[in-house]
C-alpha atoms as a PDB file:
ATOM      1  CA  ALA A   1      18.362 -35.101 -34.551  1.00  0.00           C
ATOM      2  CA  ASN A   2      19.737 -38.127 -32.964  1.00  0.00           C
ATOM      3  CA  GLU A   3      18.997 -41.824 -32.484  1.00  0.00           C
ATOM      4  CA  ASN A   4      18.680 -41.711 -28.719  1.00  0.00           C
ATOM      5  CA  SER A   5      15.333 -42.774 -27.576  1.00  0.00           C
ATOM      6  CA  GLY A   6      13.752 -41.162 -24.580  1.00  0.00           C
ATOM      7  CA  ARG A   7      10.623 -39.969 -22.871  1.00  0.00           C
ATOM      8  CA  MET A   8       9.732 -36.259 -21.932  1.00  0.00           C
ATOM      9  CA  VAL A   9       8.566 -36.203 -18.332  1.00  0.00           C
ATOM     10  CA  GLU A  10       6.914 -33.526 -16.214  1.00  0.00           C
ATOM     11  CA  GLY A  11       9.280 -30.827 -15.068  1.00  0.00           C
ATOM     12  CA  GLN A  12      11.719 -31.162 -17.945  1.00  0.00           C
ATOM     13  CA  THR A  13      12.397 -28.107 -20.206  1.00  0.00           C
ATOM     14  CA  PHE A  14      13.423 -28.176 -23.816  1.00  0.00           C
ATOM     15  CA  THR A  15      14.580 -25.620 -26.379  1.00  0.00           C
ATOM     16  CA  ILE A  16      13.300 -25.852 -30.054  1.00  0.00           C
ATOM     17  CA  GLU A  17      15.600 -23.919 -32.328  1.00  0.00           C
ATOM     18  CA  PRO A  18      14.510 -23.884 -35.932  1.00  0.00           C
ATOM     19  CA  ILE A  19      16.654 -22.163 -38.606  1.00  0.00           C
ATOM     20  CA  LEU A  20      15.239 -20.483 -41.720  1.00  0.00           C
ATOM     21  CA  ILE A  21      17.472 -20.238 -44.648  1.00  0.00           C
ATOM     22  CA  MET A  22      16.864 -18.096 -47.797  1.00  0.00           C
ATOM     23  CA  ASP A  23      18.457 -20.484 -50.335  1.00  0.00           C
ATOM     24  CA  LYS A  24      20.088 -23.824 -50.014  1.00  0.00           C
ATOM     25  CA  ALA A  25      19.796 -25.704 -46.626  1.00  0.00           C
ATOM     26  CA  GLU A  26      23.396 -26.823 -46.571  1.00  0.00           C
ATOM     27  CA  CYS A  27      25.235 -25.785 -43.428  1.00  0.00           C
ATOM     28  CA  VAL A  28      28.758 -26.001 -42.049  1.00  0.00           C
ATOM     29  CA  THR A  29      29.801 -26.030 -38.347  1.00  0.00           C
ATOM     30  CA  TRP A  30      32.941 -24.282 -37.481  1.00  0.00           C
ATOM     31  CA  GLU A  31      35.750 -25.960 -35.631  1.00  0.00           C
ATOM     32  CA  ASN A  32      34.576 -24.426 -32.329  1.00  0.00           C
ATOM     33  CA  GLY A  33      31.751 -26.994 -32.441  1.00  0.00           C
ATOM     34  CA  TRP A  34      29.015 -24.359 -31.964  1.00  0.00           C
ATOM     35  CA  THR A  35      28.924 -21.750 -34.800  1.00  0.00           C
ATOM     36  CA  THR A  36      26.952 -23.048 -37.752  1.00  0.00           C
ATOM     37  CA  VAL A  37      26.694 -21.112 -41.152  1.00  0.00           C
ATOM     38  CA  THR A  38      25.413 -21.668 -44.588  1.00  0.00           C
ATOM     39  CA  ASP A  39      27.971 -23.094 -46.914  1.00  0.00           C
ATOM     40  CA  ASP A  40      27.167 -20.721 -49.640  1.00  0.00           C
ATOM     41  CA  GLY A  41      26.734 -17.503 -47.628  1.00  0.00           C
ATOM     42  CA  SER A  42      22.855 -17.421 -47.925  1.00  0.00           C
ATOM     43  CA  TRP A  43      21.049 -15.473 -45.370  1.00  0.00           C
ATOM     44  CA  ALA A  44      19.673 -17.322 -42.325  1.00  0.00           C
ATOM     45  CA  ALA A  45      17.778 -16.601 -39.177  1.00  0.00           C
ATOM     46  CA  GLN A  46      17.547 -18.693 -36.072  1.00  0.00           C
ATOM     47  CA  PHE A  47      15.103 -18.343 -33.223  1.00  0.00           C
ATOM     48  CA  GLU A  48      14.082 -20.409 -30.239  1.00  0.00           C
ATOM     49  CA  HIS A  49      11.299 -21.260 -27.910  1.00  0.00           C
ATOM     50  CA  THR A  50      11.798 -22.966 -24.482  1.00  0.00           C
ATOM     51  CA  VAL A  51       9.007 -25.334 -23.454  1.00  0.00           C
ATOM     52  CA  LEU A  52       8.156 -26.866 -20.010  1.00  0.00           C
ATOM     53  CA  VAL A  53       6.590 -30.261 -19.797  1.00  0.00           C
ATOM     54  CA  THR A  54       3.693 -30.168 -17.423  1.00  0.00           C
ATOM     55  CA  ARG A  55       1.209 -32.812 -16.039  1.00  0.00           C
ATOM     56  CA  THR A  56      -1.411 -31.619 -18.567  1.00  0.00           C
ATOM     57  CA  GLY A  57       0.943 -30.873 -21.712  1.00  0.00           C
ATOM     58  CA  VAL A  58       3.408 -28.253 -22.552  1.00  0.00           C
ATOM     59  CA  GLU A  59       3.807 -24.551 -21.492  1.00  0.00           C
ATOM     60  CA  ILE A  60       5.810 -22.302 -23.801  1.00  0.00           C
ATOM     61  CA  LEU A  61       8.062 -20.241 -21.549  1.00  0.00           C
ATOM     62  CA  THR A  62       9.166 -17.734 -24.233  1.00  0.00           C
ATOM     63  CA  LYS A  63       5.768 -16.218 -25.243  1.00  0.00           C
ATOM     64  CA  HIS A  64       5.842 -12.780 -26.566  1.00  0.00           C
END
């Protein structure tokens, strides 16, 4: 989440990366600026989909 406004245009790709957490949703990001963990050690799972903006909508590039 951020406060930057913008517009998706044809040809752009985006990655949507939800995280599911078993207990509390409080997280901590390590000093490396990349690794994020639950602050209480709860189990979590992260997955992602990459989507392509097309003239007629969106195409999911990571279909199974």
